[in-house]
């Protein structure tokens, strides 16, 4: 008996399609999730940024230090 396709260990899924990712979400589900997440995180986004985080963000905007290897 000849095996026609490699199998994913333990799942029985064909290895060629096992890593293709989950199926895409329907547009109405994506809209619902987006609205729910925006509602859930709205209060967090309205809070002031902590001073330590603001300092890190400021550092990201600075020029990088000279490359010591050049």
PDB file of N, CA and C in Angstrom:
ATOM      1  N   UNK A   1       0.842  -1.168   0.000  1.00  0.00           N
ATOM      2  CA  UNK A   1       0.000   0.000   0.000  1.00  0.00           C
ATOM      3  C   UNK A   1       0.897   1.243   0.000  1.00  0.00           C
ATOM      4  N   UNK A   2       0.610   2.201  -0.862  1.00  0.00           N
ATOM      5  CA  UNK A   2       1.427   3.399  -1.002  1.00  0.00           C
ATOM      6  C   UNK A   2       0.745   4.589  -0.341  1.00  0.00           C
ATOM      7  N   UNK A   3       1.505   5.323   0.422  1.00  0.00           N
ATOM      8  CA  UNK A   3       0.966   6.524   1.068  1.00  0.00           C
ATOM      9  C   UNK A   3       1.093   7.679   0.083  1.00  0.00           C
ATOM     10  N   UNK A   4      -0.006   8.397  -0.164  1.00  0.00           N
ATOM     11  CA  UNK A   4       0.005   9.441  -1.188  1.00  0.00           C
ATOM     12  C   UNK A   4       0.403  10.809  -0.666  1.00  0.00           C
ATOM     13  N   UNK A   5       0.278  11.057   0.594  1.00  0.00           N
ATOM     14  CA  UNK A   5       0.631  12.372   1.130  1.00  0.00           C
ATOM     15  C   UNK A   5       1.190  12.239   2.527  1.00  0.00           C
ATOM     16  N   UNK A   6       2.111  13.107   2.873  1.00  0.00           N
ATOM     17  CA  UNK A   6       2.664  13.082   4.225  1.00  0.00           C
ATOM     18  C   UNK A   6       1.597  13.536   5.203  1.00  0.00           C
ATOM     19  N   UNK A   7       1.557  12.922   6.322  1.00  0.00           N
ATOM     20  CA  UNK A   7       0.573  13.272   7.345  1.00  0.00           C
ATOM     21  C   UNK A   7       1.240  14.027   8.477  1.00  0.00           C
ATOM     22  N   UNK A   8       0.526  14.980   9.032  1.00  0.00           N
ATOM     23  CA  UNK A   8       0.974  15.720  10.201  1.00  0.00           C
ATOM     24  C   UNK A   8       0.907  14.774  11.382  1.00  0.00           C
ATOM     25  N   UNK A   9       1.948  14.721  12.178  1.00  0.00           N
ATOM     26  CA  UNK A   9       1.993  13.763  13.281  1.00  0.00           C
ATOM     27  C   UNK A   9       0.865  13.990  14.270  1.00  0.00           C
ATOM     28  N   UNK A  10       0.073  12.973  14.459  1.00  0.00           N
ATOM     29  CA  UNK A  10      -0.956  12.998  15.479  1.00  0.00           C
ATOM     30  C   UNK A  10      -2.283  13.597  15.070  1.00  0.00           C
ATOM     31  N   UNK A  11      -2.319  14.417  14.039  1.00  0.00           N
ATOM     32  CA  UNK A  11      -3.585  15.061  13.698  1.00  0.00           C
ATOM     33  C   UNK A  11      -4.284  14.406  12.527  1.00  0.00           C
ATOM     34  N   UNK A  12      -3.530  13.700  11.697  1.00  0.00           N
ATOM     35  CA  UNK A  12      -4.123  13.109  10.517  1.00  0.00           C
ATOM     36  C   UNK A  12      -4.301  14.108   9.388  1.00  0.00           C
ATOM     37  N   UNK A  13      -3.886  15.342   9.583  1.00  0.00           N
ATOM     38  CA  UNK A  13      -4.022  16.372   8.551  1.00  0.00           C
ATOM     39  C   UNK A  13      -2.925  16.208   7.518  1.00  0.00           C
ATOM     40  N   UNK A  14      -3.224  16.529   6.305  1.00  0.00           N
ATOM     41  CA  UNK A  14      -2.242  16.475   5.244  1.00  0.00           C
ATOM     42  C   UNK A  14      -1.194  17.554   5.498  1.00  0.00           C
ATOM     43  N   UNK A  15       0.083  17.199   5.455  1.00  0.00           N
ATOM     44  CA  UNK A  15       1.166  18.129   5.794  1.00  0.00           C
ATOM     45  C   UNK A  15       1.230  19.307   4.829  1.00  0.00           C
ATOM     46  N   UNK A  16       0.772  19.116   3.594  1.00  0.00           N
ATOM     47  CA  UNK A  16       0.826  20.218   2.624  1.00  0.00           C
ATOM     48  C   UNK A  16      -0.128  21.343   2.983  1.00  0.00           C
ATOM     49  N   UNK A  17      -1.204  21.036   3.684  1.00  0.00           N
ATOM     50  CA  UNK A  17      -2.182  22.061   4.030  1.00  0.00           C
ATOM     51  C   UNK A  17      -2.221  22.364   5.522  1.00  0.00           C
ATOM     52  N   UNK A  18      -1.431  21.661   6.315  1.00  0.00           N
ATOM     53  CA  UNK A  18      -1.479  21.827   7.764  1.00  0.00           C
ATOM     54  C   UNK A  18      -1.027  23.220   8.197  1.00  0.00           C
ATOM     55  N   UNK A  19      -0.162  23.863   7.440  1.00  0.00           N
ATOM     56  CA  UNK A  19       0.387  25.158   7.846  1.00  0.00           C
ATOM     57  C   UNK A  19      -0.171  26.301   7.008  1.00  0.00           C
ATOM     58  N   UNK A  20      -1.302  26.092   6.385  1.00  0.00           N
ATOM     59  CA  UNK A  20      -1.862  27.144   5.545  1.00  0.00           C
ATOM     60  C   UNK A  20      -2.579  28.214   6.354  1.00  0.00           C
ATOM     61  N   UNK A  21      -2.725  28.024   7.654  1.00  0.00           N
ATOM     62  CA  UNK A  21      -3.342  29.024   8.515  1.00  0.00           C
ATOM     63  C   UNK A  21      -4.829  28.819   8.649  1.00  0.00           C
ATOM     64  N   UNK A  22      -5.418  29.562   9.554  1.00  0.00           N
ATOM     65  CA  UNK A  22      -6.860  29.436   9.770  1.00  0.00           C
ATOM     66  C   UNK A  22      -7.627  30.053   8.606  1.00  0.00           C
ATOM     67  N   UNK A  23      -8.855  29.637   8.410  1.00  0.00           N
ATOM     68  CA  UNK A  23      -9.648  30.246   7.342  1.00  0.00           C
ATOM     69  C   UNK A  23      -9.922  31.709   7.665  1.00  0.00           C
ATOM     70  N   UNK A  24     -10.058  32.552   6.648  1.00  0.00           N
ATOM     71  CA  UNK A  24     -10.322  33.975   6.904  1.00  0.00           C
ATOM     72  C   UNK A  24     -11.681  34.173   7.567  1.00  0.00           C
ATOM     73  N   UNK A  25     -11.770  35.226   8.357  1.00  0.00           N
ATOM     74  CA  UNK A  25     -13.033  35.543   9.025  1.00  0.00           C
ATOM     75  C   UNK A  25     -13.958  36.287   8.069  1.00  0.00           C
ATOM     76  N   UNK A  26     -15.229  36.052   8.223  1.00  0.00           N
ATOM     77  CA  UNK A  26     -16.229  36.748   7.416  1.00  0.00           C
ATOM     78  C   UNK A  26     -16.201  38.240   7.760  1.00  0.00           C
ATOM     79  N   UNK A  27     -16.496  39.115   6.798  1.00  0.00           N
ATOM     80  CA  UNK A  27     -16.458  40.560   7.049  1.00  0.00           C
ATOM     81  C   UNK A  27     -17.313  41.005   8.231  1.00  0.00           C
ATOM     82  N   UNK A  28     -18.491  40.415   8.406  1.00  0.00           N
ATOM     83  CA  UNK A  28     -19.340  40.838   9.524  1.00  0.00           C
ATOM     84  C   UNK A  28     -18.730  40.445  10.868  1.00  0.00           C
ATOM     85  N   UNK A  29     -18.021  39.332  10.922  1.00  0.00           N
ATOM     86  CA  UNK A  29     -17.348  38.927  12.163  1.00  0.00           C
ATOM     87  C   UNK A  29     -16.169  39.853  12.431  1.00  0.00           C
ATOM     88  N   UNK A  30     -15.419  40.207  11.381  1.00  0.00           N
ATOM     89  CA  UNK A  30     -14.294  41.136  11.550  1.00  0.00           C
ATOM     90  C   UNK A  30     -14.767  42.485  12.073  1.00  0.00           C
ATOM     91  N   UNK A  31     -15.889  42.991  11.518  1.00  0.00           N
ATOM     92  CA  UNK A  31     -16.434  44.273  11.995  1.00  0.00           C
ATOM     93  C   UNK A  31     -16.850  44.176  13.454  1.00  0.00           C
ATOM     94  N   UNK A  32     -17.521  43.094  13.812  1.00  0.00           N
ATOM     95  CA  UNK A  32     -17.972  42.913  15.196  1.00  0.00           C
ATOM     96  C   UNK A  32     -16.776  42.846  16.150  1.00  0.00           C
ATOM     97  N   UNK A  33     -15.755  42.080  15.794  1.00  0.00           N
ATOM     98  CA  UNK A  33     -14.566  41.993  16.646  1.00  0.00           C
ATOM     99  C   UNK A  33     -13.866  43.343  16.760  1.00  0.00           C
ATOM    100  N   UNK A  34     -13.748  44.056  15.651  1.00  0.00           N
ATOM    101  CA  UNK A  34     -13.113  45.368  15.680  1.00  0.00           C
ATOM    102  C   UNK A  34     -13.852  46.341  16.579  1.00  0.00           C
ATOM    103  N   UNK A  35     -15.168  46.379  16.459  1.00  0.00           N
ATOM    104  CA  UNK A  35     -15.975  47.260  17.308  1.00  0.00           C
ATOM    105  C   UNK A  35     -15.847  46.864  18.774  1.00  0.00           C
ATOM    106  N   UNK A  36     -15.887  45.575  19.046  1.00  0.00           N
ATOM    107  CA  UNK A  36     -15.770  45.104  20.431  1.00  0.00           C
ATOM    108  C   UNK A  36     -14.413  45.458  21.027  1.00  0.00           C
ATOM    109  N   UNK A  37     -13.345  45.280  20.259  1.00  0.00           N
ATOM    110  CA  UNK A  37     -12.007  45.607  20.761  1.00  0.00           C
ATOM    111  C   UNK A  37     -11.840  47.111  20.963  1.00  0.00           C
ATOM    112  N   UNK A  38     -12.349  47.918  20.014  1.00  0.00           N
ATOM    113  CA  UNK A  38     -12.258  49.374  20.193  1.00  0.00           C
ATOM    114  C   UNK A  38     -13.015  49.814  21.434  1.00  0.00           C
ATOM    115  N   UNK A  39     -14.187  49.243  21.670  1.00  0.00           N
ATOM    116  CA  UNK A  39     -14.975  49.579  22.860  1.00  0.00           C
ATOM    117  C   UNK A  39     -14.241  49.155  24.121  1.00  0.00           C
ATOM    118  N   UNK A  40     -13.680  47.959  24.112  1.00  0.00           N
ATOM    119  CA  UNK A  40     -12.991  47.425  25.282  1.00  0.00           C
ATOM    120  C   UNK A  40     -11.771  48.268  25.649  1.00  0.00           C
ATOM    121  N   UNK A  41     -10.996  48.703  24.639  1.00  0.00           N
ATOM    122  CA  UNK A  41      -9.750  49.421  24.903  1.00  0.00           C
ATOM    123  C   UNK A  41      -9.893  50.939  24.881  1.00  0.00           C
ATOM    124  N   UNK A  42     -11.077  51.476  24.670  1.00  0.00           N
ATOM    125  CA  UNK A  42     -11.266  52.925  24.584  1.00  0.00           C
ATOM    126  C   UNK A  42     -10.799  53.634  25.848  1.00  0.00           C
ATOM    127  N   UNK A  43     -11.126  53.093  27.010  1.00  0.00           N
ATOM    128  CA  UNK A  43     -10.723  53.723  28.272  1.00  0.00           C
ATOM    129  C   UNK A  43      -9.206  53.706  28.429  1.00  0.00           C
ATOM    130  N   UNK A  44      -8.576  52.630  28.012  1.00  0.00           N
ATOM    131  CA  UNK A  44      -7.122  52.532  28.111  1.00  0.00           C
ATOM    132  C   UNK A  44      -6.455  53.571  27.218  1.00  0.00           C
ATOM    133  N   UNK A  45      -6.983  53.770  26.033  1.00  0.00           N
ATOM    134  CA  UNK A  45      -6.403  54.742  25.111  1.00  0.00           C
ATOM    135  C   UNK A  45      -6.599  56.170  25.581  1.00  0.00           C
ATOM    136  N   UNK A  46      -7.605  56.414  26.408  1.00  0.00           N
ATOM    137  CA  UNK A  46      -7.874  57.755  26.917  1.00  0.00           C
ATOM    138  C   UNK A  46      -6.988  58.106  28.113  1.00  0.00           C
ATOM    139  N   UNK A  47      -6.361  57.113  28.730  1.00  0.00           N
ATOM    140  CA  UNK A  47      -5.503  57.367  29.895  1.00  0.00           C
ATOM    141  C   UNK A  47      -4.225  58.067  29.459  1.00  0.00           C
ATOM    142  N   UNK A  48      -3.648  58.886  30.346  1.00  0.00           N
ATOM    143  CA  UNK A  48      -2.375  59.525  30.003  1.00  0.00           C
ATOM    144  C   UNK A  48      -1.249  58.488  29.934  1.00  0.00           C
ATOM    145  N   UNK A  49      -0.259  58.797  29.111  1.00  0.00           N
ATOM    146  CA  UNK A  49       0.884  57.903  28.951  1.00  0.00           C
ATOM    147  C   UNK A  49       1.808  58.076  30.150  1.00  0.00           C
ATOM    148  N   UNK A  50       2.246  56.974  30.719  1.00  0.00           N
ATOM    149  CA  UNK A  50       3.178  56.981  31.847  1.00  0.00           C
ATOM    150  C   UNK A  50       4.473  57.693  31.437  1.00  0.00           C
ATOM    151  N   UNK A  51       5.105  58.390  32.376  1.00  0.00           N
ATOM    152  CA  UNK A  51       6.332  59.143  32.094  1.00  0.00           C
ATOM    153  C   UNK A  51       7.443  58.254  31.544  1.00  0.00           C
ATOM    154  N   UNK A  52       7.559  57.035  32.062  1.00  0.00           N
ATOM    155  CA  UNK A  52       8.617  56.126  31.586  1.00  0.00           C
ATOM    156  C   UNK A  52       8.381  55.736  30.130  1.00  0.00           C
ATOM    157  N   UNK A  53       7.131  55.500  29.784  1.00  0.00           N
ATOM    158  CA  UNK A  53       6.802  55.149  28.399  1.00  0.00           C
ATOM    159  C   UNK A  53       7.047  56.351  27.489  1.00  0.00           C
ATOM    160  N   UNK A  54       6.666  57.539  27.944  1.00  0.00           N
ATOM    161  CA  UNK A  54       6.881  58.750  27.152  1.00  0.00           C
ATOM    162  C   UNK A  54       8.371  58.965  26.904  1.00  0.00           C
ATOM    163  N   UNK A  55       9.203  58.720  27.913  1.00  0.00           N
ATOM    164  CA  UNK A  55      10.650  58.870  27.750  1.00  0.00           C
ATOM    165  C   UNK A  55      11.187  57.871  26.721  1.00  0.00           C
ATOM    166  N   UNK A  56      10.693  56.649  26.756  1.00  0.00           N
ATOM    167  CA  UNK A  56      11.126  55.650  25.773  1.00  0.00           C
ATOM    168  C   UNK A  56      10.698  56.046  24.361  1.00  0.00           C
ATOM    169  N   UNK A  57       9.495  56.565  24.234  1.00  0.00           N
ATOM    170  CA  UNK A  57       9.024  57.010  22.922  1.00  0.00           C
ATOM    171  C   UNK A  57       9.859  58.178  22.406  1.00  0.00           C
ATOM    172  N   UNK A  58      10.245  59.086  23.300  1.00  0.00           N
ATOM    173  CA  UNK A  58      11.111  60.199  22.906  1.00  0.00           C
ATOM    174  C   UNK A  58      12.454  59.683  22.400  1.00  0.00           C
ATOM    175  N   UNK A  59      12.989  58.671  23.075  1.00  0.00           N
ATOM    176  CA  UNK A  59      14.281  58.105  22.668  1.00  0.00           C
ATOM    177  C   UNK A  59      14.193  57.452  21.294  1.00  0.00           C
ATOM    178  N   UNK A  60      13.040  56.904  20.952  1.00  0.00           N
ATOM    179  CA  UNK A  60      12.880  56.293  19.635  1.00  0.00           C
ATOM    180  C   UNK A  60      12.995  57.321  18.522  1.00  0.00           C
ATOM    181  N   UNK A  61      12.626  58.561  18.811  1.00  0.00           N
ATOM    182  CA  UNK A  61      12.684  59.609  17.807  1.00  0.00           C
ATOM    183  C   UNK A  61      14.064  60.225  17.649  1.00  0.00           C
ATOM    184  N   UNK A  62      14.997  59.911  18.536  1.00  0.00           N
ATOM    185  CA  UNK A  62      16.342  60.481  18.481  1.00  0.00           C
ATOM    186  C   UNK A  62      17.174  59.790  17.406  1.00  0.00           C
ATOM    187  N   UNK A  63      18.266  60.451  17.024  1.00  0.00           N
ATOM    188  CA  UNK A  63      19.216  59.860  16.083  1.00  0.00           C
ATOM    189  C   UNK A  63      19.893  58.673  16.746  1.00  0.00           C
ATOM    190  N   UNK A  64      20.096  57.594  16.017  1.00  0.00           N
ATOM    191  CA  UNK A  64      20.799  56.453  16.615  1.00  0.00           C
ATOM    192  C   UNK A  64      22.258  56.813  16.868  1.00  0.00           C
ATOM    193  N   UNK A  65      22.882  56.194  17.858  1.00  0.00           N
ATOM    194  CA  UNK A  65      24.295  56.476  18.127  1.00  0.00           C
ATOM    195  C   UNK A  65      25.155  56.021  16.948  1.00  0.00           C
ATOM    196  N   UNK A  66      26.320  56.653  16.820  1.00  0.00           N
ATOM    197  CA  UNK A  66      27.238  56.294  15.737  1.00  0.00           C
ATOM    198  C   UNK A  66      27.646  54.835  15.881  1.00  0.00           C
ATOM    199  N   UNK A  67      27.816  54.172  14.756  1.00  0.00           N
ATOM    200  CA  UNK A  67      28.208  52.771  14.753  1.00  0.00           C
ATOM    201  C   UNK A  67      29.681  52.663  15.143  1.00  0.00           C
ATOM    202  N   UNK A  68      29.994  52.031  16.281  1.00  0.00           N
ATOM    203  CA  UNK A  68      31.392  51.946  16.721  1.00  0.00           C
ATOM    204  C   UNK A  68      32.234  51.038  15.828  1.00  0.00           C
ATOM    205  N   UNK A  69      31.629  50.226  14.994  1.00  0.00           N
ATOM    206  CA  UNK A  69      32.378  49.299  14.147  1.00  0.00           C
ATOM    207  C   UNK A  69      32.792  49.919  12.826  1.00  0.00           C
ATOM    208  N   UNK A  70      32.300  51.123  12.516  1.00  0.00           N
ATOM    209  CA  UNK A  70      32.638  51.713  11.213  1.00  0.00           C
ATOM    210  C   UNK A  70      33.832  52.610  11.281  1.00  0.00           C
TER     211      UNK A  70
END
